[in-house]
PDB file of N, CA and C in Angstrom:
ATOM      1  N   UNK A   1       3.098  -8.421 -29.189  1.00  0.00           N
ATOM      2  CA  UNK A   1       3.704  -8.230 -27.884  1.00  0.00           C
ATOM      3  C   UNK A   1       2.591  -8.059 -26.848  1.00  0.00           C
ATOM      4  N   UNK A   2       2.739  -8.717 -25.706  1.00  0.00           N
ATOM      5  CA  UNK A   2       1.731  -8.644 -24.647  1.00  0.00           C
ATOM      6  C   UNK A   2       1.803  -7.301 -23.926  1.00  0.00           C
ATOM      7  N   UNK A   3       0.665  -6.834 -23.511  1.00  0.00           N
ATOM      8  CA  UNK A   3       0.602  -5.573 -22.776  1.00  0.00           C
ATOM      9  C   UNK A   3       0.902  -5.840 -21.299  1.00  0.00           C
ATOM     10  N   UNK A   4       1.734  -5.011 -20.708  1.00  0.00           N
ATOM     11  CA  UNK A   4       2.045  -5.162 -19.286  1.00  0.00           C
ATOM     12  C   UNK A   4       1.384  -4.036 -18.498  1.00  0.00           C
ATOM     13  N   UNK A   5       1.113  -4.304 -17.229  1.00  0.00           N
ATOM     14  CA  UNK A   5       0.477  -3.308 -16.372  1.00  0.00           C
ATOM     15  C   UNK A   5       1.338  -3.055 -15.144  1.00  0.00           C
ATOM     16  N   UNK A   6       1.228  -1.847 -14.627  1.00  0.00           N
ATOM     17  CA  UNK A   6       1.984  -1.448 -13.443  1.00  0.00           C
ATOM     18  C   UNK A   6       1.119  -0.474 -12.651  1.00  0.00           C
ATOM     19  N   UNK A   7       0.856  -0.790 -11.381  1.00  0.00           N
ATOM     20  CA  UNK A   7       0.037   0.077 -10.535  1.00  0.00           C
ATOM     21  C   UNK A   7       0.727   0.259  -9.191  1.00  0.00           C
ATOM     22  N   UNK A   8       0.623   1.470  -8.639  1.00  0.00           N
ATOM     23  CA  UNK A   8       1.140   1.773  -7.304  1.00  0.00           C
ATOM     24  C   UNK A   8       0.008   2.407  -6.512  1.00  0.00           C
ATOM     25  N   UNK A   9      -0.216   1.915  -5.295  1.00  0.00           N
ATOM     26  CA  UNK A   9      -1.286   2.423  -4.450  1.00  0.00           C
ATOM     27  C   UNK A   9      -0.752   2.642  -3.040  1.00  0.00           C
ATOM     28  N   UNK A  10      -1.032   3.800  -2.467  1.00  0.00           N
ATOM     29  CA  UNK A  10      -0.713   4.085  -1.071  1.00  0.00           C
ATOM     30  C   UNK A  10      -2.028   4.289  -0.335  1.00  0.00           C
ATOM     31  N   UNK A  11      -2.148   3.724   0.869  1.00  0.00           N
ATOM     32  CA  UNK A  11      -3.381   3.832   1.637  1.00  0.00           C
ATOM     33  C   UNK A  11      -3.076   3.774   3.123  1.00  0.00           C
ATOM     34  N   UNK A  12      -4.026   4.228   3.937  1.00  0.00           N
ATOM     35  CA  UNK A  12      -3.871   4.129   5.392  1.00  0.00           C
ATOM     36  C   UNK A  12      -4.615   2.891   5.871  1.00  0.00           C
ATOM     37  N   UNK A  13      -4.013   2.183   6.796  1.00  0.00           N
ATOM     38  CA  UNK A  13      -4.594   0.953   7.319  1.00  0.00           C
ATOM     39  C   UNK A  13      -5.369   1.283   8.595  1.00  0.00           C
ATOM     40  N   UNK A  14      -6.643   1.643   8.445  1.00  0.00           N
ATOM     41  CA  UNK A  14      -7.472   2.054   9.571  1.00  0.00           C
ATOM     42  C   UNK A  14      -7.679   0.981  10.617  1.00  0.00           C
ATOM     43  N   UNK A  15      -7.541  -0.296  10.244  1.00  0.00           N
ATOM     44  CA  UNK A  15      -7.742  -1.377  11.208  1.00  0.00           C
ATOM     45  C   UNK A  15      -6.591  -1.474  12.207  1.00  0.00           C
ATOM     46  N   UNK A  16      -5.463  -0.837  11.926  1.00  0.00           N
ATOM     47  CA  UNK A  16      -4.303  -0.870  12.821  1.00  0.00           C
ATOM     48  C   UNK A  16      -4.178   0.413  13.640  1.00  0.00           C
ATOM     49  N   UNK A  17      -5.285   1.137  13.796  1.00  0.00           N
ATOM     50  CA  UNK A  17      -5.268   2.424  14.502  1.00  0.00           C
ATOM     51  C   UNK A  17      -4.843   2.243  15.956  1.00  0.00           C
ATOM     52  N   UNK A  18      -3.955   3.108  16.406  1.00  0.00           N
ATOM     53  CA  UNK A  18      -3.502   3.108  17.797  1.00  0.00           C
ATOM     54  C   UNK A  18      -3.363   4.560  18.229  1.00  0.00           C
ATOM     55  N   UNK A  19      -4.181   4.981  19.196  1.00  0.00           N
ATOM     56  CA  UNK A  19      -4.184   6.359  19.689  1.00  0.00           C
ATOM     57  C   UNK A  19      -4.426   7.377  18.574  1.00  0.00           C
ATOM     58  N   UNK A  20      -5.253   7.026  17.598  1.00  0.00           N
ATOM     59  CA  UNK A  20      -5.576   7.945  16.510  1.00  0.00           C
ATOM     60  C   UNK A  20      -4.536   8.003  15.410  1.00  0.00           C
ATOM     61  N   UNK A  21      -3.481   7.209  15.521  1.00  0.00           N
ATOM     62  CA  UNK A  21      -2.412   7.197  14.517  1.00  0.00           C
ATOM     63  C   UNK A  21      -2.557   5.929  13.673  1.00  0.00           C
ATOM     64  N   UNK A  22      -2.510   6.093  12.352  1.00  0.00           N
ATOM     65  CA  UNK A  22      -2.641   4.944  11.450  1.00  0.00           C
ATOM     66  C   UNK A  22      -1.418   4.854  10.533  1.00  0.00           C
ATOM     67  N   UNK A  23      -0.969   3.632  10.231  1.00  0.00           N
ATOM     68  CA  UNK A  23       0.198   3.468   9.366  1.00  0.00           C
ATOM     69  C   UNK A  23      -0.138   3.648   7.886  1.00  0.00           C
ATOM     70  N   UNK A  24       0.837   4.118   7.123  1.00  0.00           N
ATOM     71  CA  UNK A  24       0.711   4.233   5.669  1.00  0.00           C
ATOM     72  C   UNK A  24       1.253   2.945   5.057  1.00  0.00           C
ATOM     73  N   UNK A  25       0.444   2.334   4.208  1.00  0.00           N
ATOM     74  CA  UNK A  25       0.815   1.088   3.551  1.00  0.00           C
ATOM     75  C   UNK A  25       0.948   1.336   2.049  1.00  0.00           C
ATOM     76  N   UNK A  26       1.659   0.457   1.370  1.00  0.00           N
ATOM     77  CA  UNK A  26       1.813   0.557  -0.071  1.00  0.00           C
ATOM     78  C   UNK A  26       1.528  -0.776  -0.736  1.00  0.00           C
ATOM     79  N   UNK A  27       1.082  -0.710  -1.986  1.00  0.00           N
ATOM     80  CA  UNK A  27       0.829  -1.928  -2.762  1.00  0.00           C
ATOM     81  C   UNK A  27       1.287  -1.677  -4.189  1.00  0.00           C
ATOM     82  N   UNK A  28       2.119  -2.558  -4.709  1.00  0.00           N
ATOM     83  CA  UNK A  28       2.583  -2.482  -6.092  1.00  0.00           C
ATOM     84  C   UNK A  28       2.058  -3.716  -6.815  1.00  0.00           C
ATOM     85  N   UNK A  29       1.442  -3.502  -7.969  1.00  0.00           N
ATOM     86  CA  UNK A  29       0.937  -4.604  -8.783  1.00  0.00           C
ATOM     87  C   UNK A  29       1.604  -4.535 -10.150  1.00  0.00           C
ATOM     88  N   UNK A  30       2.240  -5.631 -10.549  1.00  0.00           N
ATOM     89  CA  UNK A  30       2.876  -5.726 -11.862  1.00  0.00           C
ATOM     90  C   UNK A  30       2.345  -6.979 -12.540  1.00  0.00           C
ATOM     91  N   UNK A  31       1.639  -6.789 -13.636  1.00  0.00           N
ATOM     92  CA  UNK A  31       1.044  -7.895 -14.392  1.00  0.00           C
ATOM     93  C   UNK A  31       0.239  -8.840 -13.504  1.00  0.00           C
ATOM     94  N   UNK A  32      -0.495  -8.289 -12.539  1.00  0.00           N
ATOM     95  CA  UNK A  32      -1.351  -9.088 -11.672  1.00  0.00           C
ATOM     96  C   UNK A  32      -0.676  -9.647 -10.433  1.00  0.00           C
ATOM     97  N   UNK A  33       0.636  -9.526 -10.326  1.00  0.00           N
ATOM     98  CA  UNK A  33       1.363  -9.985  -9.146  1.00  0.00           C
ATOM     99  C   UNK A  33       1.451  -8.833  -8.153  1.00  0.00           C
ATOM    100  N   UNK A  34       0.986  -9.083  -6.923  1.00  0.00           N
ATOM    101  CA  UNK A  34       0.868  -8.023  -5.922  1.00  0.00           C
ATOM    102  C   UNK A  34       1.945  -8.159  -4.854  1.00  0.00           C
ATOM    103  N   UNK A  35       2.514  -7.014  -4.450  1.00  0.00           N
ATOM    104  CA  UNK A  35       3.437  -6.949  -3.314  1.00  0.00           C
ATOM    105  C   UNK A  35       2.960  -5.826  -2.408  1.00  0.00           C
ATOM    106  N   UNK A  36       2.769  -6.136  -1.119  1.00  0.00           N
ATOM    107  CA  UNK A  36       2.337  -5.137  -0.152  1.00  0.00           C
ATOM    108  C   UNK A  36       3.466  -4.874   0.822  1.00  0.00           C
ATOM    109  N   UNK A  37       3.524  -3.630   1.335  1.00  0.00           N
ATOM    110  CA  UNK A  37       4.600  -3.271   2.251  1.00  0.00           C
ATOM    111  C   UNK A  37       4.169  -2.115   3.135  1.00  0.00           C
ATOM    112  N   UNK A  38       4.858  -1.964   4.254  1.00  0.00           N
ATOM    113  CA  UNK A  38       4.652  -0.828   5.143  1.00  0.00           C
ATOM    114  C   UNK A  38       5.635   0.261   4.754  1.00  0.00           C
ATOM    115  N   UNK A  39       5.174   1.506   4.731  1.00  0.00           N
ATOM    116  CA  UNK A  39       6.045   2.636   4.398  1.00  0.00           C
ATOM    117  C   UNK A  39       6.834   3.114   5.613  1.00  0.00           C
ATOM    118  N   UNK A  40       6.598   2.497   6.780  1.00  0.00           N
ATOM    119  CA  UNK A  40       7.280   2.864   8.030  1.00  0.00           C
ATOM    120  C   UNK A  40       6.991   4.305   8.432  1.00  0.00           C
ATOM    121  N   UNK A  41       5.818   4.819   8.023  1.00  0.00           N
ATOM    122  CA  UNK A  41       5.377   6.168   8.378  1.00  0.00           C
ATOM    123  C   UNK A  41       3.931   6.080   8.861  1.00  0.00           C
ATOM    124  N   UNK A  42       3.538   7.017   9.709  1.00  0.00           N
ATOM    125  CA  UNK A  42       2.168   7.059  10.217  1.00  0.00           C
ATOM    126  C   UNK A  42       1.619   8.474  10.096  1.00  0.00           C
ATOM    127  N   UNK A  43       0.281   8.579  10.102  1.00  0.00           N
ATOM    128  CA  UNK A  43      -0.387   9.878  10.052  1.00  0.00           C
ATOM    129  C   UNK A  43      -1.485   9.906  11.108  1.00  0.00           C
ATOM    130  N   UNK A  44      -1.881  11.108  11.494  1.00  0.00           N
ATOM    131  CA  UNK A  44      -2.971  11.273  12.468  1.00  0.00           C
ATOM    132  C   UNK A  44      -4.306  11.144  11.794  1.00  0.00           C
TER     133      UNK A  44
END
């Protein structure tokens, strides 16, 4: 049976900074296939 992988990563996108506020982004990787998304939240 083949081994499967699953990874979840949350990070801030510093290149999209506006007035010191940066968006939180997410990335899910399953068996090498990547999906990126915005969490619709921001932090200072």
